[in-house]
C-alpha atoms as a PDB file:
ATOM      1  CA  MET A   1      72.855-145.529  48.573  1.00  0.00           C
ATOM      2  CA  THR A   2      74.904-142.548  47.496  1.00  0.00           C
ATOM      3  CA  ILE A   3      72.778-139.326  47.204  1.00  0.00           C
ATOM      4  CA  VAL A   4      73.777-136.987  44.341  1.00  0.00           C
ATOM      5  CA  ARG A   5      72.719-133.515  45.033  1.00  0.00           C
ATOM      6  CA  VAL A   6      71.395-131.581  41.876  1.00  0.00           C
ATOM      7  CA  PHE A   7      71.030-127.843  41.179  1.00  0.00           C
ATOM      8  CA  ILE A   8      68.801-126.789  38.047  1.00  0.00           C
ATOM      9  CA  VAL A   9      69.513-123.634  36.132  1.00  0.00           C
ATOM     10  CA  ASP A  10      67.140-122.766  33.423  1.00  0.00           C
ATOM     11  CA  ASP A  11      65.199-119.403  32.600  1.00  0.00           C
ATOM     12  CA  HIS A  12      61.877-121.424  31.671  1.00  0.00           C
ATOM     13  CA  ASP A  13      59.705-122.088  34.691  1.00  0.00           C
ATOM     14  CA  VAL A  14      58.100-125.261  33.023  1.00  0.00           C
ATOM     15  CA  VAL A  15      61.496-126.773  32.270  1.00  0.00           C
ATOM     16  CA  ARG A  16      62.710-126.382  35.986  1.00  0.00           C
ATOM     17  CA  LEU A  17      59.345-127.848  37.115  1.00  0.00           C
ATOM     18  CA  GLY A  18      59.536-130.870  34.838  1.00  0.00           C
ATOM     19  CA  LEU A  19      63.274-131.562  35.917  1.00  0.00           C
ATOM     20  CA  ARG A  20      62.457-131.103  39.568  1.00  0.00           C
ATOM     21  CA  ALA A  21      59.604-133.509  39.165  1.00  0.00           C
ATOM     22  CA  TYR A  22      61.579-136.027  37.201  1.00  0.00           C
ATOM     23  CA  LEU A  23      64.529-135.875  39.882  1.00  0.00           C
ATOM     24  CA  ASP A  24      61.897-136.551  42.689  1.00  0.00           C
ATOM     25  CA  GLU A  25      61.312-139.849  41.052  1.00  0.00           C
ATOM     26  CA  GLN A  26      64.764-140.939  40.742  1.00  0.00           C
ATOM     27  CA  PRO A  27      66.392-142.984  43.413  1.00  0.00           C
ATOM     28  CA  GLY A  28      69.543-141.355  44.620  1.00  0.00           C
ATOM     29  CA  LEU A  29      69.097-138.131  43.065  1.00  0.00           C
ATOM     30  CA  LEU A  30      68.154-135.111  45.132  1.00  0.00           C
ATOM     31  CA  TRP A  31      66.970-131.646  44.025  1.00  0.00           C
ATOM     32  CA  ILE A  32      68.403-129.091  46.215  1.00  0.00           C
ATOM     33  CA  GLY A  33      67.676-125.789  44.459  1.00  0.00           C
ATOM     34  CA  GLU A  34      67.374-123.832  41.219  1.00  0.00           C
ATOM     35  CA  ALA A  35      67.993-120.454  39.428  1.00  0.00           C
ATOM     36  CA  GLU A  36      66.437-118.861  36.350  1.00  0.00           C
ATOM     37  CA  GLU A  37      69.708-117.352  35.249  1.00  0.00           C
ATOM     38  CA  GLY A  38      73.538-117.443  35.511  1.00  0.00           C
ATOM     39  CA  GLU A  39      74.261-114.600  38.067  1.00  0.00           C
ATOM     40  CA  ALA A  40      71.425-115.964  40.254  1.00  0.00           C
ATOM     41  CA  ALA A  41      72.948-119.300  40.181  1.00  0.00           C
ATOM     42  CA  LEU A  42      76.433-118.131  41.066  1.00  0.00           C
ATOM     43  CA  ALA A  43      74.839-116.187  43.913  1.00  0.00           C
ATOM     44  CA  GLU A  44      73.047-119.142  45.171  1.00  0.00           C
ATOM     45  CA  LEU A  45      75.989-121.583  44.976  1.00  0.00           C
ATOM     46  CA  GLU A  46      78.074-119.095  46.814  1.00  0.00           C
ATOM     47  CA  ARG A  47      75.565-119.124  49.669  1.00  0.00           C
ATOM     48  CA  LEU A  48      75.391-122.780  49.724  1.00  0.00           C
ATOM     49  CA  ALA A  49      79.116-123.085  49.800  1.00  0.00           C
ATOM     50  CA  LYS A  50      79.095-121.085  53.099  1.00  0.00           C
ATOM     51  CA  PHE A  51      77.059-123.963  54.698  1.00  0.00           C
ATOM     52  CA  ASP A  52      79.023-126.767  52.978  1.00  0.00           C
ATOM     53  CA  GLU A  53      75.899-127.666  51.070  1.00  0.00           C
ATOM     54  CA  LEU A  54      77.172-127.216  47.495  1.00  0.00           C
ATOM     55  CA  PRO A  55      75.394-129.655  44.903  1.00  0.00           C
ATOM     56  CA  ASP A  56      77.420-132.386  43.277  1.00  0.00           C
ATOM     57  CA  VAL A  57      75.891-131.675  39.926  1.00  0.00           C
ATOM     58  CA  VAL A  58      74.476-128.646  38.114  1.00  0.00           C
ATOM     59  CA  LEU A  59      71.911-129.043  35.199  1.00  0.00           C
ATOM     60  CA  MET A  60      72.782-126.055  32.964  1.00  0.00           C
ATOM     61  CA  ASP A  61      70.723-124.452  30.141  1.00  0.00           C
ATOM     62  CA  LEU A  62      73.027-122.748  27.766  1.00  0.00           C
ATOM     63  CA  VAL A  63      70.763-119.996  26.318  1.00  0.00           C
ATOM     64  CA  MET A  64      69.332-117.781  28.938  1.00  0.00           C
ATOM     65  CA  ARG A  65      68.539-114.195  29.804  1.00  0.00           C
ATOM     66  CA  GLY A  66      71.492-112.245  31.242  1.00  0.00           C
ATOM     67  CA  ARG A  67      74.615-114.536  31.888  1.00  0.00           C
ATOM     68  CA  ASP A  68      74.744-117.415  29.391  1.00  0.00           C
ATOM     69  CA  GLY A  69      75.288-120.996  30.506  1.00  0.00           C
ATOM     70  CA  ILE A  70      78.720-121.398  28.943  1.00  0.00           C
ATOM     71  CA  THR A  71      80.114-118.560  30.821  1.00  0.00           C
ATOM     72  CA  THR A  72      78.238-119.721  34.027  1.00  0.00           C
ATOM     73  CA  THR A  73      79.670-123.134  33.515  1.00  0.00           C
ATOM     74  CA  ARG A  74      83.206-121.766  33.428  1.00  0.00           C
ATOM     75  CA  GLU A  75      82.796-119.762  36.418  1.00  0.00           C
ATOM     76  CA  ILE A  76      81.276-122.529  38.454  1.00  0.00           C
ATOM     77  CA  ARG A  77      84.000-124.882  37.458  1.00  0.00           C
ATOM     78  CA  GLU A  78      86.671-122.265  38.581  1.00  0.00           C
ATOM     79  CA  ARG A  79      85.135-121.118  41.716  1.00  0.00           C
ATOM     80  CA  PHE A  80      83.548-124.368  42.907  1.00  0.00           C
ATOM     81  CA  PRO A  81      85.741-127.198  41.308  1.00  0.00           C
ATOM     82  CA  SER A  82      83.885-129.996  43.142  1.00  0.00           C
ATOM     83  CA  VAL A  83      80.699-129.007  41.411  1.00  0.00           C
ATOM     84  CA  GLN A  84      80.212-130.781  37.915  1.00  0.00           C
ATOM     85  CA  VAL A  85      78.126-129.433  35.193  1.00  0.00           C
ATOM     86  CA  VAL A  86      75.750-131.023  32.579  1.00  0.00           C
ATOM     87  CA  ALA A  87      74.643-129.057  29.742  1.00  0.00           C
ATOM     88  CA  VAL A  88      70.892-129.648  29.264  1.00  0.00           C
ATOM     89  CA  THR A  89      69.902-127.641  26.140  1.00  0.00           C
ATOM     90  CA  SER A  90      67.830-127.373  22.936  1.00  0.00           C
ATOM     91  CA  PHE A  91      70.902-126.337  20.888  1.00  0.00           C
ATOM     92  CA  GLY A  92      73.086-129.079  19.348  1.00  0.00           C
ATOM     93  CA  GLU A  93      75.529-127.309  16.989  1.00  0.00           C
ATOM     94  CA  SER A  94      79.029-128.729  17.292  1.00  0.00           C
ATOM     95  CA  GLN A  95      80.553-125.182  18.002  1.00  0.00           C
ATOM     96  CA  ARG A  96      78.209-124.847  21.023  1.00  0.00           C
ATOM     97  CA  ILE A  97      78.993-128.357  22.230  1.00  0.00           C
ATOM     98  CA  ARG A  98      82.828-127.727  22.138  1.00  0.00           C
ATOM     99  CA  ALA A  99      82.354-124.527  23.905  1.00  0.00           C
ATOM    100  CA  ALA A 100      80.451-125.938  26.793  1.00  0.00           C
ATOM    101  CA  LEU A 101      82.952-129.008  27.268  1.00  0.00           C
ATOM    102  CA  ALA A 102      85.836-126.446  27.063  1.00  0.00           C
ATOM    103  CA  ALA A 103      84.252-124.548  29.529  1.00  0.00           C
ATOM    104  CA  GLY A 104      84.204-127.591  31.948  1.00  0.00           C
ATOM    105  CA  ALA A 105      80.941-129.230  31.246  1.00  0.00           C
ATOM    106  CA  ALA A 106      80.995-133.034  32.171  1.00  0.00           C
ATOM    107  CA  GLY A 107      78.157-133.839  29.998  1.00  0.00           C
ATOM    108  CA  TYR A 108      75.808-132.632  27.145  1.00  0.00           C
ATOM    109  CA  VAL A 109      72.228-133.721  26.821  1.00  0.00           C
ATOM    110  CA  MET A 110      69.488-132.416  24.554  1.00  0.00           C
ATOM    111  CA  LYS A 111      66.255-131.453  26.014  1.00  0.00           C
ATOM    112  CA  ASP A 112      64.379-133.817  23.700  1.00  0.00           C
ATOM    113  CA  SER A 113      66.495-136.843  24.380  1.00  0.00           C
ATOM    114  CA  ASP A 114      65.124-139.718  26.570  1.00  0.00           C
ATOM    115  CA  VAL A 115      64.434-138.569  30.106  1.00  0.00           C
ATOM    116  CA  ASP A 116      66.546-141.439  31.580  1.00  0.00           C
ATOM    117  CA  GLU A 117      69.437-139.988  29.604  1.00  0.00           C
ATOM    118  CA  ILE A 118      69.545-136.964  31.996  1.00  0.00           C
ATOM    119  CA  ALA A 119      69.780-139.328  34.973  1.00  0.00           C
ATOM    120  CA  GLN A 120      72.707-141.159  33.320  1.00  0.00           C
ATOM    121  CA  ALA A 121      74.344-137.967  32.738  1.00  0.00           C
ATOM    122  CA  ILE A 122      73.972-136.851  36.267  1.00  0.00           C
ATOM    123  CA  ARG A 123      75.361-139.947  37.655  1.00  0.00           C
ATOM    124  CA  SER A 124      78.257-140.138  35.204  1.00  0.00           C
ATOM    125  CA  ALA A 125      79.176-136.532  36.081  1.00  0.00           C
ATOM    126  CA  ALA A 126      78.979-137.315  39.968  1.00  0.00           C
ATOM    127  CA  ALA A 127      81.347-140.168  39.495  1.00  0.00           C
ATOM    128  CA  GLY A 128      83.849-138.257  37.509  1.00  0.00           C
ATOM    129  CA  SER A 129      83.029-139.371  34.035  1.00  0.00           C
ATOM    130  CA  ALA A 130      81.824-137.821  31.022  1.00  0.00           C
ATOM    131  CA  HIS A 131      78.554-138.245  29.010  1.00  0.00           C
ATOM    132  CA  LEU A 132      77.089-137.295  25.895  1.00  0.00           C
ATOM    133  CA  ASP A 133      73.632-138.160  24.398  1.00  0.00           C
ATOM    134  CA  ALA A 134      73.460-140.037  21.134  1.00  0.00           C
ATOM    135  CA  ALA A 135      72.530-136.898  19.163  1.00  0.00           C
ATOM    136  CA  THR A 136      75.440-134.914  20.598  1.00  0.00           C
ATOM    137  CA  GLU A 137      77.873-137.696  19.765  1.00  0.00           C
ATOM    138  CA  ARG A 138      76.691-137.934  16.246  1.00  0.00           C
ATOM    139  CA  THR A 139      77.189-134.185  15.782  1.00  0.00           C
ATOM    140  CA  LEU A 140      80.788-134.267  17.105  1.00  0.00           C
ATOM    141  CA  SER A 141      81.438-137.355  15.079  1.00  0.00           C
ATOM    142  CA  ALA A 142      80.458-135.661  11.899  1.00  0.00           C
ATOM    143  CA  SER A 143      82.306-132.480  12.682  1.00  0.00           C
ATOM    144  CA  ASP A 144      85.705-134.245  13.897  1.00  0.00           C
ATOM    145  CA  ASP A 145      88.566-133.409  11.678  1.00  0.00           C
ATOM    146  CA  THR A 146      90.908-136.188  13.275  1.00  0.00           C
ATOM    147  CA  HIS A 147      94.410-137.196  12.535  1.00  0.00           C
ATOM    148  CA  PRO A 148      95.989-140.300  13.403  1.00  0.00           C
ATOM    149  CA  LEU A 149      97.675-140.417  16.896  1.00  0.00           C
ATOM    150  CA  THR A 150     100.881-142.073  17.572  1.00  0.00           C
ATOM    151  CA  ALA A 151     100.913-145.333  19.856  1.00  0.00           C
ATOM    152  CA  ARG A 152     102.224-143.244  22.939  1.00  0.00           C
ATOM    153  CA  GLU A 153      99.587-140.553  22.402  1.00  0.00           C
ATOM    154  CA  ARG A 154      96.751-143.241  22.565  1.00  0.00           C
ATOM    155  CA  GLU A 155      98.163-144.464  25.647  1.00  0.00           C
ATOM    156  CA  VAL A 156      98.004-141.136  27.186  1.00  0.00           C
ATOM    157  CA  LEU A 157      94.551-140.408  25.918  1.00  0.00           C
ATOM    158  CA  VAL A 158      93.214-143.712  27.439  1.00  0.00           C
ATOM    159  CA  LEU A 159      94.617-142.753  30.697  1.00  0.00           C
ATOM    160  CA  VAL A 160      93.217-139.266  30.372  1.00  0.00           C
ATOM    161  CA  ALA A 161      89.840-140.922  29.852  1.00  0.00           C
ATOM    162  CA  GLN A 162      90.282-143.091  32.879  1.00  0.00           C
ATOM    163  CA  GLY A 163      90.535-139.942  34.942  1.00  0.00           C
ATOM    164  CA  LEU A 164      94.373-139.878  35.794  1.00  0.00           C
ATOM    165  CA  SER A 165      96.161-136.518  36.413  1.00  0.00           C
ATOM    166  CA  ASN A 166      99.404-135.496  34.584  1.00  0.00           C
ATOM    167  CA  ARG A 167     101.279-136.677  37.608  1.00  0.00           C
ATOM    168  CA  GLN A 168      99.610-139.947  37.650  1.00  0.00           C
ATOM    169  CA  LEU A 169     100.143-140.266  33.926  1.00  0.00           C
ATOM    170  CA  ALA A 170     103.773-139.658  34.043  1.00  0.00           C
ATOM    171  CA  ARG A 171     104.203-142.351  36.870  1.00  0.00           C
ATOM    172  CA  ALA A 172     102.184-144.962  34.993  1.00  0.00           C
ATOM    173  CA  LEU A 173     104.154-144.360  31.605  1.00  0.00           C
ATOM    174  CA  SER A 174     107.506-143.477  33.305  1.00  0.00           C
ATOM    175  CA  LEU A 175     107.627-140.293  31.716  1.00  0.00           C
ATOM    176  CA  SER A 176     108.349-136.719  32.831  1.00  0.00           C
ATOM    177  CA  GLU A 177     105.327-134.520  33.628  1.00  0.00           C
ATOM    178  CA  ARG A 178     106.746-132.091  30.955  1.00  0.00           C
ATOM    179  CA  THR A 179     106.567-135.016  28.166  1.00  0.00           C
ATOM    180  CA  VAL A 180     103.072-135.877  29.345  1.00  0.00           C
ATOM    181  CA  GLN A 181     102.111-132.388  28.689  1.00  0.00           C
ATOM    182  CA  THR A 182     103.694-132.424  25.298  1.00  0.00           C
ATOM    183  CA  HIS A 183     101.734-135.471  24.316  1.00  0.00           C
ATOM    184  CA  LEU A 184      98.595-133.897  25.609  1.00  0.00           C
ATOM    185  CA  THR A 185      99.181-130.657  23.727  1.00  0.00           C
ATOM    186  CA  SER A 186      99.663-132.869  20.454  1.00  0.00           C
ATOM    187  CA  ILE A 187      96.709-134.843  21.015  1.00  0.00           C
ATOM    188  CA  MET A 188      94.507-131.664  21.404  1.00  0.00           C
ATOM    189  CA  ARG A 189      95.998-130.240  18.308  1.00  0.00           C
ATOM    190  CA  LYS A 190      95.488-133.275  16.150  1.00  0.00           C
ATOM    191  CA  LEU A 191      92.009-133.843  17.390  1.00  0.00           C
ATOM    192  CA  ASN A 192      90.940-130.122  17.434  1.00  0.00           C
ATOM    193  CA  LEU A 193      89.908-130.388  21.054  1.00  0.00           C
ATOM    194  CA  GLY A 194      90.003-127.786  23.699  1.00  0.00           C
ATOM    195  CA  SER A 195      89.926-129.630  27.160  1.00  0.00           C
ATOM    196  CA  ARG A 196      90.661-132.782  28.830  1.00  0.00           C
ATOM    197  CA  THR A 197      87.002-133.375  29.112  1.00  0.00           C
ATOM    198  CA  GLU A 198      86.667-133.333  25.331  1.00  0.00           C
ATOM    199  CA  ALA A 199      89.744-135.489  24.959  1.00  0.00           C
ATOM    200  CA  ALA A 200      88.114-138.018  27.421  1.00  0.00           C
ATOM    201  CA  LEU A 201      84.753-137.947  25.554  1.00  0.00           C
ATOM    202  CA  TRP A 202      86.584-138.467  22.229  1.00  0.00           C
ATOM    203  CA  ALA A 203      88.204-141.694  23.625  1.00  0.00           C
ATOM    204  CA  VAL A 204      85.001-142.891  24.809  1.00  0.00           C
ATOM    205  CA  ARG A 205      83.123-142.267  21.469  1.00  0.00           C
ATOM    206  CA  GLU A 206      85.872-143.895  19.406  1.00  0.00           C
ATOM    207  CA  GLY A 207      86.005-146.860  21.757  1.00  0.00           C
ATOM    208  CA  LEU A 208      89.578-146.950  22.443  1.00  0.00           C
ATOM    209  CA  PRO A 209      90.785-150.140  24.110  1.00  0.00           C
ATOM    210  CA  GLY A 210      90.842-149.577  27.923  1.00  0.00           C
ATOM    211  CA  VAL A 211      88.167-146.885  27.894  1.00  0.00           C
ATOM    212  CA  ASP A 212      84.754-148.000  29.286  1.00  0.00           C
END
């Protein structure tokens, strides 16, 4: 069984304890450490990196003392690109959700969602996929100001959701990388999205053909 290593960042002791206890009961999920705020989390990840012991997934609270979770998420993704981040929070406003996804979060789960949802989000992130819980999906759906995409843009979006890079997209569609980037820019503008992760989540939520 593949083991997914998980690190917890939350400024409430009881939340960290609860998540840690839950992870201990989940096959294939291994708690390897925790921090109570963003600065401490970055310092600990820096230490773990020196021993090649980085986690696969960080569970990130968004509102904390000191460095907030969105800023910390962005720095983790920049400094440790192999580490995925899943936001686990009590705040479900569309603006905050979009900010977290734009910062590089691979998932967004409310703290009051079913506990198995957290395990699903962790495993999805570790596998390179995006995951939103039902409440978050509803929030984004209600706030989306979408415009119709062209057939080619939908093709591009489906392949983005499948995890292809721009180079792979260009090869698959017999386009130049510059043309692929032009399509991506148009997609982001039409759908009011801020990142490839948001685009992939939109494709999943809308059930585009070819997206699991």
